Amino acid sequence: MKPFAQLHMIALVVLVVVAEEYVGFARHIVNIAAYLGRHLVDIHLAAVVAVVGIRLAVVVVDTPLAADNHHPHMCPAAAAVVAAAAVAVAVAYLAVCDGLTVVPSGPTTTVLSAVSQGHKCCNTSKCDGTIPDIPARVFYQPSTTTASSDATVHMIVGSTAYYTMQGPTPLDQTRSCNCSFNKTADGNPADFAADEYFDSPISFGNGTVISLVHTEFPGNRFNNSGPNAPYCTTKGYPECWTVTIGLVISHDWGKTFEHAAPPPHHLVASVPYGYNQTQLASGWGDPSNIMKHPTDGYYYAAIWNRHQVGLQAPGICMMRSNSLLDPTSWRAYSGKTKSFSVKFADPYTMQPGTEEDHVCTVTNLPAGSVEDGCAAHGLFYSKYLSKFVVTLGCDQARTPVFKLATSDDLVTWSPAQDLLTMAEAKNQSSKVVRGMNYPTFIDMSAPTDLNDPNYYTIGQHPYLYWVSIGDNPEDIGRNLLATPFTFNK
């Protein structure tokens, strides 16, 4: 049983004990519904059981009952209603939390070793750009002939220097030693082009690839450049740090990239506040992969703000676009209008006093803080579940844990359940020493069986791609790992 379900079952047991003190019949209500709750996996059936339980409680209300000698002032009928209501809650949560299991189903494979790649390309374990510091993303380039074996799977995973990777499958990848794009390292925070990471590529059939770009501005590293330097008088992160999201484009299947428009006009998403060295780390960043909705035609992504900044709350925000080549087309979710209507703004050129118009309503996914937050590294549509799925990397400054949640509408999510704990990860791979990060699913059958060349659709048996963090960069370093998982409902 998942922890969230356990919590509600404890509450249920307490209420049942109280109820049984006054109404013997409540015991039968609870036993029947609890038994069914343990075996139900469908929330609609759980609701039916809950209604039946409440109806039985009504019968109790209409039935004369002997007075309770120990508690003559207590109402046994009311106790039965309380017990039935508790059953309703417990059954619903049992159906949601215990009905879905997602577990490893095979051995873990190493896809990329930063140390090995460093020795290959730089004759040293430390090699700029070889460290996997973003989630793994893949897209499929179909064969130009009738031979399917000529098809190519491209992968993007690295840091602020971009090296192409490709191979026949997402598990069999070869990385080039030639850098195709390096961070712009612009020292002006108003240009949104400092330390750039290609977090979220998505391809089209004509060779065009666009990517959302997680763009950090660590002020302490730009104290000797930029129009307003020095930018930082403290040690740096979590102060002197902000992040935005930009857009880059390729017309050759990702071999080369350039900004979709000259900076700062490539900006996709920013909080409505400029850089402030005293503000704890904040801004929209860490985008998930881009996912196309199966019915409404929009493209969606999840983004993360690490700390309250002005009116913008910390947490995960959903945004969408129907024009991916236009960086200004993305809209964030508004809780006021219940729609994707919030336009992002350039904080350095926007009209003062309009900050409220550019605030996203964050989801109910765990927000955390600068130290223990959860970033949404993967966003998918599961054909097996007929639901949306998000993978979360949480608690990076403490004991890391991967979590998973599901949704019917991309706005309201189920309670996040553990997907892989640090202890479980160490059992999967000896390369896990200090930590782990960047969990995201990749289904090997996506291009063929799921008709998805960008791998945002998953079935029952996807691989979880994730990064292990060793004890030092010279020895174990970081590794991109892939573990097969199985969903069961």
Protein backbone atom coordinates (compact mmCIF):
# COMPACT_ATOMS: atom_id res chain seq x y z
CA MET A 1 0.00 0.00 0.00
CA LYS A 2 1.26 3.48 -0.85
CA PRO A 3 1.99 5.90 2.05
CA PHE A 4 -0.87 8.23 1.13
CA ALA A 5 -3.36 5.36 1.24
CA GLN A 6 -1.86 4.16 4.52
CA LEU A 7 -2.49 7.55 6.11
CA HIS A 8 -6.15 7.47 5.18
CA MET A 9 -6.52 3.87 6.27
CA ILE A 10 -5.16 4.81 9.71
CA ALA A 11 -7.75 7.56 9.93
CA LEU A 12 -10.40 5.07 8.84
CA VAL A 13 -9.41 2.55 11.51
CA VAL A 14 -9.66 5.20 14.24
CA LEU A 15 -13.12 6.21 13.09
CA VAL A 16 -14.23 2.59 12.79
CA VAL A 17 -13.11 1.82 16.35
CA VAL A 18 -15.11 4.78 17.60
CA ALA A 19 -18.12 3.78 15.55
CA GLU A 20 -18.01 0.20 16.77
CA GLU A 21 -18.30 1.45 20.34
CA TYR A 22 -21.81 2.58 19.52
CA VAL A 23 -23.18 0.67 16.56
CA GLY A 24 -22.52 -2.98 15.91
CA PHE A 25 -24.03 -2.67 12.47
CA ALA A 26 -21.36 -0.15 11.43
CA ARG A 27 -18.89 -3.02 11.63
CA HIS A 28 -20.62 -4.74 8.74
CA ILE A 29 -20.61 -1.59 6.64
CA VAL A 30 -16.91 -1.12 7.18
CA ASN A 31 -15.96 -4.75 6.62
CA ILE A 32 -17.83 -5.03 3.34
CA ALA A 33 -16.62 -1.73 1.91
CA ALA A 34 -13.04 -2.20 3.12
CA TYR A 35 -12.86 -5.65 1.52
CA LEU A 36 -14.13 -4.28 -1.76
CA GLY A 37 -11.79 -1.30 -1.43
CA ARG A 38 -8.79 -3.58 -1.27
CA HIS A 39 -9.78 -5.19 -4.55
CA LEU A 40 -11.13 -2.25 -6.51
CA VAL A 41 -8.94 -0.44 -9.02
CA ASP A 42 -11.59 1.67 -10.71
CA ILE A 43 -12.52 4.94 -9.03
CA HIS A 44 -16.07 4.84 -10.39
CA LEU A 45 -16.70 1.45 -8.77
CA ALA A 46 -15.19 2.80 -5.58
CA ALA A 47 -17.69 5.63 -5.65
CA VAL A 48 -20.55 3.13 -6.00
CA VAL A 49 -19.34 1.25 -2.93
CA ALA A 50 -19.11 4.53 -1.03
CA VAL A 51 -22.70 5.41 -1.93
CA VAL A 52 -23.88 1.96 -0.83
CA GLY A 53 -22.06 2.41 2.48
CA ILE A 54 -23.73 5.76 3.09
CA ARG A 55 -27.12 4.29 2.14
CA LEU A 56 -26.61 1.55 4.71
CA ALA A 57 -25.82 4.23 7.26
CA VAL A 58 -29.14 5.85 6.46
CA VAL A 59 -30.82 2.52 7.17
CA VAL A 60 -29.09 2.54 10.55
CA VAL A 61 -30.42 6.03 11.20
CA ASP A 62 -33.97 4.78 10.65
CA THR A 63 -33.47 1.66 12.80
CA PRO A 64 -34.13 1.70 16.55
CA LEU A 65 -30.95 0.84 18.40
CA ALA A 66 -30.31 -0.05 21.99
CA ALA A 67 -28.87 2.69 24.15
CA ASP A 68 -25.16 2.49 24.80
CA ASN A 69 -24.48 1.94 28.50
CA HIS A 70 -20.96 3.38 28.38
CA HIS A 71 -21.75 6.48 26.33
CA PRO A 72 -25.48 7.26 26.78
CA HIS A 73 -25.13 10.74 25.29
CA MET A 74 -23.56 9.55 22.03
CA CYS A 75 -25.70 9.01 18.95
CA PRO A 76 -25.06 5.57 17.43
CA ALA A 77 -26.70 6.51 14.14
CA ALA A 78 -24.37 9.48 13.75
CA ALA A 79 -21.43 7.22 14.47
CA ALA A 80 -22.55 4.93 11.65
CA VAL A 81 -22.73 7.89 9.26
CA VAL A 82 -19.19 8.91 10.26
CA ALA A 83 -17.96 5.36 9.67
CA ALA A 84 -19.63 5.22 6.25
CA ALA A 85 -18.16 8.57 5.25
CA ALA A 86 -14.72 7.34 6.32
CA VAL A 87 -15.23 4.26 4.18
CA ALA A 88 -16.09 6.49 1.22
CA VAL A 89 -12.82 8.38 1.59
CA ALA A 90 -10.71 5.30 2.21
CA VAL A 91 -12.18 3.33 -0.68
CA ALA A 92 -11.60 6.21 -3.05
CA TYR A 93 -7.97 6.59 -2.02
CA LEU A 94 -7.38 2.86 -2.06
CA ALA A 95 -8.67 2.76 -5.60
CA VAL A 96 -6.43 5.63 -6.69
CA CYS A 97 -3.24 4.84 -4.79
CA ASP A 98 -3.26 1.06 -4.57
CA GLY A 99 -4.86 0.45 -7.94
CA LEU A 100 -1.73 1.58 -9.81
CA THR A 101 1.67 0.00 -9.33
CA VAL A 102 4.75 1.02 -11.32
CA VAL A 103 7.77 -1.14 -10.60
CA PRO A 104 11.15 -2.04 -12.12
CA SER A 105 10.89 -5.12 -14.32
CA GLY A 106 14.47 -5.79 -15.37
CA PRO A 107 18.14 -4.88 -15.01
CA THR A 108 19.46 -1.34 -15.42
CA THR A 109 21.51 -0.46 -18.51
CA THR A 110 24.18 2.26 -18.76
CA VAL A 111 23.47 4.42 -21.82
CA LEU A 112 26.15 7.08 -21.30
CA SER A 113 29.10 7.39 -18.92
CA ALA A 114 30.48 10.89 -18.47
CA VAL A 115 33.87 9.53 -17.44
CA SER A 116 34.17 7.22 -20.45
CA GLN A 117 32.99 9.94 -22.81
CA GLY A 118 35.51 12.36 -21.32
CA HIS A 119 38.40 10.00 -21.92
CA LYS A 120 37.15 9.36 -25.46
CA CYS A 121 36.84 13.02 -26.45
CA CYS A 122 39.24 14.93 -24.17
CA ASN A 123 41.69 12.36 -22.82
CA THR A 124 40.47 13.24 -19.35
CA SER A 125 37.57 12.29 -17.09
CA LYS A 126 36.44 15.92 -17.07
CA CYS A 127 35.22 17.06 -20.47
CA ASP A 128 33.00 20.09 -21.03
CA GLY A 129 29.50 19.12 -22.09
CA THR A 130 29.78 15.38 -21.50
CA ILE A 131 28.07 15.43 -18.09
CA PRO A 132 24.37 14.48 -18.26
CA ASP A 133 22.79 17.44 -16.49
CA ILE A 134 19.33 17.40 -18.10
CA PRO A 135 16.73 14.67 -18.68
CA ALA A 136 17.32 12.42 -21.69
CA ARG A 137 15.17 13.34 -24.72
CA VAL A 138 14.85 11.41 -27.95
CA PHE A 139 13.20 11.88 -31.34
CA TYR A 140 12.90 9.55 -34.30
CA GLN A 141 14.10 10.26 -37.82
CA PRO A 142 12.37 7.85 -40.22
CA SER A 143 14.29 6.00 -42.89
CA THR A 144 14.66 7.65 -46.30
CA THR A 145 14.43 4.21 -47.88
CA THR A 146 12.08 1.27 -47.47
CA ALA A 147 14.51 -0.31 -45.02
CA SER A 148 13.39 0.51 -41.48
CA SER A 149 16.90 -0.31 -40.30
CA ASP A 150 18.03 3.02 -41.75
CA ALA A 151 15.92 4.96 -39.24
CA THR A 152 17.78 6.99 -36.64
CA VAL A 153 16.99 7.82 -33.03
CA HIS A 154 18.50 11.13 -31.92
CA MET A 155 19.15 11.84 -28.25
CA ILE A 156 19.85 15.07 -26.40
CA VAL A 157 21.38 14.83 -22.94
CA GLY A 158 24.25 16.92 -21.62
CA SER A 159 24.83 20.35 -20.18
CA THR A 160 25.54 23.80 -21.59
CA ALA A 161 27.51 22.35 -24.51
CA TYR A 162 25.50 20.34 -27.03
CA TYR A 163 26.93 17.25 -28.69
CA THR A 164 24.84 15.19 -31.09
CA MET A 165 23.94 11.64 -30.14
CA GLN A 166 22.30 9.06 -32.34
CA GLY A 167 21.82 5.35 -32.82
CA PRO A 168 19.32 2.68 -33.88
CA THR A 169 17.47 2.73 -30.54
CA PRO A 170 17.34 4.87 -27.38
CA LEU A 171 19.41 2.18 -25.66
CA ASP A 172 22.13 2.11 -28.30
CA GLN A 173 23.54 5.62 -28.70
CA THR A 174 26.87 7.03 -29.88
CA ARG A 175 27.88 10.52 -28.90
CA SER A 176 29.93 12.82 -31.11
CA CYS A 177 33.02 14.60 -29.80
CA ASN A 178 32.22 17.69 -31.88
CA CYS A 179 30.33 20.48 -30.10
CA SER A 180 27.38 21.67 -32.19
CA PHE A 181 26.15 24.44 -29.89
CA ASN A 182 27.73 26.05 -26.85
CA LYS A 183 26.06 28.32 -24.33
CA THR A 184 25.86 31.95 -25.40
CA ALA A 185 27.20 33.07 -21.99
CA ASP A 186 25.63 36.50 -22.38
CA GLY A 187 26.40 38.57 -19.26
CA ASN A 188 23.24 40.67 -19.55
CA PRO A 189 20.34 38.99 -17.71
CA ALA A 190 17.88 40.95 -19.87
CA ASP A 191 19.03 38.96 -22.92
CA PHE A 192 18.04 35.58 -21.40
CA ALA A 193 21.03 33.86 -23.02
CA ALA A 194 23.61 32.98 -20.36
CA ASP A 195 23.94 29.28 -19.42
CA GLU A 196 21.67 27.36 -21.81
CA TYR A 197 20.47 23.75 -21.62
CA PHE A 198 18.45 22.07 -24.40
CA ASP A 199 15.84 20.48 -22.16
CA SER A 200 12.87 19.87 -24.45
CA PRO A 201 13.32 19.05 -28.15
CA ILE A 202 10.48 18.00 -30.41
CA SER A 203 10.82 17.13 -34.10
CA PHE A 204 8.72 17.45 -37.21
CA GLY A 205 8.75 15.21 -40.25
CA ASN A 206 10.69 17.66 -42.42
CA GLY A 207 13.83 17.73 -40.28
CA THR A 208 12.83 20.78 -38.23
CA VAL A 209 13.49 20.40 -34.50
CA ILE A 210 12.70 23.02 -31.87
CA SER A 211 13.66 22.90 -28.22
CA LEU A 212 12.76 24.74 -25.07
CA VAL A 213 15.94 25.98 -23.41
CA HIS A 214 16.44 26.12 -19.66
CA THR A 215 18.54 29.29 -19.30
CA GLU A 216 20.24 30.08 -16.01
CA PHE A 217 21.76 33.39 -15.01
CA PRO A 218 24.16 32.77 -12.09
CA GLY A 219 25.12 36.33 -11.21
CA ASN A 220 28.29 35.38 -9.37
CA ARG A 221 29.74 33.98 -12.60
CA PHE A 222 29.13 37.19 -14.54
CA ASN A 223 30.61 39.70 -12.11
CA ASN A 224 33.16 40.81 -14.68
CA SER A 225 30.82 41.17 -17.65
CA GLY A 226 27.43 42.61 -18.51
CA PRO A 227 26.15 46.19 -18.33
CA ASN A 228 25.39 46.12 -14.59
CA ALA A 229 28.24 44.05 -13.21
CA PRO A 230 29.02 43.08 -10.54
CA TYR A 231 25.84 41.04 -10.16
CA CYS A 232 26.58 39.20 -6.95
CA THR A 233 28.23 40.10 -3.65
CA THR A 234 27.47 36.77 -1.92
CA LYS A 235 28.75 33.26 -2.55
CA GLY A 236 26.04 32.59 -5.11
CA TYR A 237 23.31 29.93 -5.35
CA PRO A 238 20.66 29.87 -3.99
CA GLU A 239 21.05 33.64 -4.13
CA CYS A 240 22.19 35.53 -7.23
CA TRP A 241 20.39 33.02 -9.47
CA THR A 242 17.44 33.23 -11.79
CA VAL A 243 16.21 31.11 -14.70
CA THR A 244 14.06 31.62 -17.80
CA ILE A 245 13.04 29.51 -20.79
CA GLY A 246 14.01 30.30 -24.38
CA LEU A 247 13.58 28.65 -27.77
CA VAL A 248 16.08 27.29 -30.29
CA ILE A 249 15.47 25.75 -33.72
CA SER A 250 17.21 23.31 -36.05
CA HIS A 251 16.51 22.57 -39.72
CA ASP A 252 18.80 19.55 -40.05
CA TRP A 253 17.42 17.00 -37.57
CA GLY A 254 19.26 18.58 -34.66
CA LYS A 255 22.76 18.64 -36.09
CA THR A 256 22.92 22.42 -35.54
CA PHE A 257 20.76 24.84 -33.57
CA GLU A 258 20.25 28.59 -33.36
CA HIS A 259 17.97 30.88 -31.36
CA ALA A 260 14.46 31.03 -32.80
CA ALA A 261 14.84 34.84 -32.77
CA PRO A 262 17.72 37.10 -31.74
CA PRO A 263 17.90 37.36 -27.91
CA PRO A 264 15.91 38.50 -26.04
CA HIS A 265 13.12 37.84 -28.55
CA HIS A 266 13.53 34.06 -28.27
CA LEU A 267 12.07 34.26 -24.73
CA VAL A 268 9.31 31.73 -24.02
CA ALA A 269 8.69 32.01 -20.27
CA SER A 270 9.81 34.26 -17.42
CA VAL A 271 8.36 35.30 -14.10
CA PRO A 272 7.33 39.00 -14.19
CA TYR A 273 10.36 40.04 -12.13
CA GLY A 274 13.91 40.76 -13.26
CA TYR A 275 17.17 39.56 -11.75
CA ASN A 276 17.67 40.45 -8.08
CA GLN A 277 20.71 39.09 -6.30
CA THR A 278 18.96 38.99 -2.90
CA GLN A 279 16.08 36.89 -4.23
CA LEU A 280 16.40 33.16 -3.57
CA ALA A 281 16.64 31.02 -6.72
CA SER A 282 13.51 31.55 -8.78
CA GLY A 283 12.10 31.83 -12.27
CA TRP A 284 10.50 29.48 -14.76
CA GLY A 285 12.87 26.71 -15.74
CA ASP A 286 13.43 22.94 -15.81
CA PRO A 287 10.85 22.32 -18.55
CA SER A 288 9.55 18.82 -19.10
CA ASN A 289 9.53 17.37 -22.57
CA ILE A 290 6.93 18.83 -24.92
CA MET A 291 3.84 16.61 -25.23
CA LYS A 292 1.09 16.86 -27.83
CA HIS A 293 -2.39 16.36 -26.38
CA PRO A 294 -4.10 13.33 -27.96
CA THR A 295 -7.36 15.21 -28.63
CA ASP A 296 -7.14 19.01 -28.39
CA GLY A 297 -4.11 19.46 -30.67
CA TYR A 298 -2.14 21.69 -28.27
CA TYR A 299 1.42 21.09 -27.17
CA TYR A 300 1.97 21.06 -23.40
CA ALA A 301 4.96 21.34 -21.08
CA ALA A 302 5.43 21.52 -17.31
CA ILE A 303 7.78 24.15 -15.88
CA TRP A 304 9.07 24.77 -12.36
CA ASN A 305 9.61 27.82 -10.13
CA ARG A 306 11.81 27.01 -7.13
CA HIS A 307 10.83 29.78 -4.73
CA GLN A 308 8.17 32.41 -4.15
CA VAL A 309 9.05 35.56 -6.08
CA GLY A 310 6.69 38.49 -5.79
CA LEU A 311 3.17 37.28 -6.62
CA GLN A 312 4.38 34.10 -8.26
CA ALA A 313 4.10 31.03 -6.06
CA PRO A 314 6.63 28.20 -6.19
CA GLY A 315 5.61 24.98 -7.86
CA ILE A 316 4.89 23.38 -11.20
CA CYS A 317 3.04 25.34 -13.87
CA MET A 318 1.41 23.88 -16.97
CA MET A 319 1.72 25.80 -20.22
CA ARG A 320 0.66 25.13 -23.79
CA SER A 321 1.06 26.33 -27.37
CA ASN A 322 -0.41 25.60 -30.77
CA SER A 323 2.39 27.34 -32.67
CA LEU A 324 5.73 25.91 -31.63
CA LEU A 325 7.84 28.04 -33.95
CA ASP A 326 6.62 31.19 -32.18
CA PRO A 327 8.25 31.67 -28.75
CA THR A 328 5.52 34.13 -27.71
CA SER A 329 2.70 31.64 -28.32
CA TRP A 330 2.91 29.79 -25.01
CA ARG A 331 0.19 30.42 -22.42
CA ALA A 332 0.19 29.40 -18.76
CA TYR A 333 -2.76 28.15 -16.74
CA SER A 334 -4.96 30.63 -14.89
CA GLY A 335 -6.92 29.45 -11.87
CA LYS A 336 -9.13 32.53 -12.16
CA THR A 337 -10.35 31.87 -15.67
CA LYS A 338 -9.85 28.08 -15.54
CA SER A 339 -8.05 28.31 -18.85
CA PHE A 340 -4.65 28.63 -20.44
CA SER A 341 -4.79 32.39 -20.78
CA VAL A 342 -1.76 33.78 -18.92
CA LYS A 343 0.73 35.45 -21.25
CA PHE A 344 4.37 35.46 -20.23
CA ALA A 345 6.10 38.84 -20.24
CA ASP A 346 9.61 40.21 -20.50
CA PRO A 347 10.17 41.62 -16.98
CA TYR A 348 12.58 44.26 -18.29
CA THR A 349 10.16 45.76 -20.83
CA MET A 350 6.69 45.00 -19.42
CA GLN A 351 4.47 47.74 -18.07
CA PRO A 352 5.09 48.23 -14.31
CA GLY A 353 2.14 47.28 -12.13
CA THR A 354 0.89 44.51 -14.43
CA GLU A 355 2.76 41.68 -12.70
CA GLU A 356 -0.49 40.00 -11.61
CA ASP A 357 -1.47 39.53 -15.26
CA HIS A 358 1.56 37.32 -15.84
CA VAL A 359 1.31 34.94 -12.89
CA CYS A 360 0.68 31.22 -13.45
CA THR A 361 -1.57 29.23 -11.14
CA VAL A 362 0.59 26.28 -10.11
CA THR A 363 -0.74 22.73 -9.99
CA ASN A 364 -1.37 20.61 -6.89
CA LEU A 365 1.81 18.66 -7.60
CA PRO A 366 4.32 18.94 -4.71
CA ALA A 367 5.93 22.37 -4.76
CA GLY A 368 8.58 22.12 -2.06
CA SER A 369 11.17 24.86 -1.89
CA VAL A 370 14.64 25.69 -3.12
CA GLU A 371 15.96 22.72 -1.12
CA ASP A 372 13.28 20.05 -1.32
CA GLY A 373 11.18 20.84 -4.38
CA CYS A 374 10.03 18.59 -7.20
CA ALA A 375 10.73 19.29 -10.87
CA ALA A 376 8.55 17.70 -13.55
CA HIS A 377 11.17 16.06 -15.74
CA GLY A 378 8.79 13.97 -17.85
CA LEU A 379 5.26 14.54 -19.19
CA PHE A 380 3.43 11.76 -21.06
CA TYR A 381 0.17 10.36 -22.27
CA SER A 382 -0.26 6.73 -21.21
CA LYS A 383 -2.34 4.67 -23.62
CA TYR A 384 -2.38 1.87 -21.08
CA LEU A 385 -3.94 4.08 -18.38
CA SER A 386 -5.75 6.54 -20.70
CA LYS A 387 -4.29 9.22 -18.45
CA PHE A 388 -1.50 11.76 -18.39
CA VAL A 389 1.58 10.84 -16.38
CA VAL A 390 4.28 13.06 -14.88
CA THR A 391 7.64 11.97 -13.47
CA LEU A 392 9.11 14.10 -10.70
CA GLY A 393 12.65 14.47 -9.40
CA CYS A 394 12.37 15.55 -5.76
CA ASP A 395 14.44 16.45 -2.69
CA GLN A 396 17.74 16.96 -4.51
CA ALA A 397 19.32 18.78 -1.57
CA ARG A 398 18.35 16.03 0.87
CA THR A 399 17.71 12.38 -0.01
CA PRO A 400 16.58 12.29 -3.65
CA VAL A 401 13.44 10.41 -4.63
CA PHE A 402 11.58 9.96 -7.91
CA LYS A 403 7.81 10.31 -7.84
CA LEU A 404 4.92 9.80 -10.25
CA ALA A 405 1.43 11.27 -10.56
CA THR A 406 -1.46 10.91 -13.01
CA SER A 407 -4.13 13.26 -14.32
CA ASP A 408 -7.16 13.36 -16.60
CA ASP A 409 -6.84 17.04 -17.51
CA LEU A 410 -3.20 18.10 -16.87
CA VAL A 411 -4.41 20.53 -14.20
CA THR A 412 -5.49 18.38 -11.25
CA TRP A 413 -3.12 15.54 -10.37
CA SER A 414 -3.31 12.46 -8.18
CA PRO A 415 -1.24 12.37 -4.99
CA ALA A 416 2.39 11.84 -6.02
CA GLN A 417 3.56 8.31 -5.23
CA ASP A 418 7.13 7.06 -4.94
CA LEU A 419 8.53 5.70 -8.18
CA LEU A 420 12.14 5.03 -7.14
CA THR A 421 13.76 5.80 -3.79
CA MET A 422 17.46 6.32 -3.24
CA ALA A 423 17.72 2.94 -1.52
CA GLU A 424 15.97 1.21 -4.41
CA ALA A 425 18.18 3.04 -6.91
CA LYS A 426 21.31 1.77 -5.18
CA ASN A 427 19.97 -1.74 -5.61
CA GLN A 428 19.53 -1.03 -9.32
CA SER A 429 23.03 0.32 -9.91
CA SER A 430 26.32 0.54 -8.03
CA LYS A 431 26.93 3.87 -9.80
CA VAL A 432 24.47 5.58 -7.45
CA VAL A 433 26.55 7.02 -4.61
CA ARG A 434 25.72 10.63 -3.79
CA GLY A 435 22.45 11.11 -5.60
CA MET A 436 20.22 10.74 -8.65
CA ASN A 437 18.12 13.02 -10.81
CA TYR A 438 16.19 13.61 -14.05
CA PRO A 439 13.67 10.73 -14.21
CA THR A 440 11.78 10.45 -17.51
CA PHE A 441 10.07 7.62 -19.38
CA ILE A 442 11.00 6.48 -22.87
CA ASP A 443 8.91 3.75 -24.52
CA MET A 444 10.93 1.86 -27.13
CA SER A 445 7.80 1.13 -29.15
CA ALA A 446 6.63 4.78 -29.38
CA PRO A 447 7.51 5.45 -33.08
CA THR A 448 6.20 2.12 -34.35
CA ASP A 449 3.36 0.91 -32.12
CA LEU A 450 2.23 4.21 -30.58
CA ASN A 451 2.64 6.42 -33.67
CA ASP A 452 4.78 8.92 -31.75
CA PRO A 453 8.19 9.89 -33.16
CA ASN A 454 8.86 12.15 -30.13
CA TYR A 455 8.36 9.53 -27.43
CA TYR A 456 5.84 11.47 -25.29
CA THR A 457 3.43 8.51 -25.48
CA ILE A 458 4.00 5.46 -23.30
CA GLY A 459 2.45 2.03 -23.00
CA GLN A 460 2.59 -0.51 -20.21
CA HIS A 461 6.34 -1.20 -20.39
CA PRO A 462 8.44 1.98 -20.77
CA TYR A 463 12.02 2.46 -19.65
CA LEU A 464 12.81 4.97 -16.93
CA TYR A 465 15.83 7.03 -17.99
CA TRP A 466 17.63 8.69 -15.09
CA VAL A 467 21.02 10.03 -14.05
CA SER A 468 23.14 8.57 -11.27
CA ILE A 469 25.60 10.76 -9.39
CA GLY A 470 28.84 9.17 -8.18
CA ASP A 471 31.17 10.20 -5.41
CA ASN A 472 33.53 12.21 -7.64
CA PRO A 473 33.74 13.18 -11.32
CA GLU A 474 37.05 11.37 -11.90
CA ASP A 475 35.96 7.92 -10.73
CA ILE A 476 32.26 7.10 -11.08
CA GLY A 477 30.95 10.47 -12.18
CA ARG A 478 27.51 10.83 -13.68
CA ASN A 479 25.85 8.13 -15.75
CA LEU A 480 22.73 8.06 -17.87
CA LEU A 481 20.90 4.88 -16.90
CA ALA A 482 17.81 3.11 -18.26
CA THR A 483 15.64 0.78 -16.19
CA PRO A 484 12.62 -1.09 -17.60
CA PHE A 485 9.40 -0.47 -15.65
CA THR A 486 5.96 -2.05 -15.80
CA PHE A 487 2.61 -0.37 -15.07
CA ASN A 488 -0.16 -2.46 -13.56
CA LYS A 489 -3.64 -1.20 -12.81
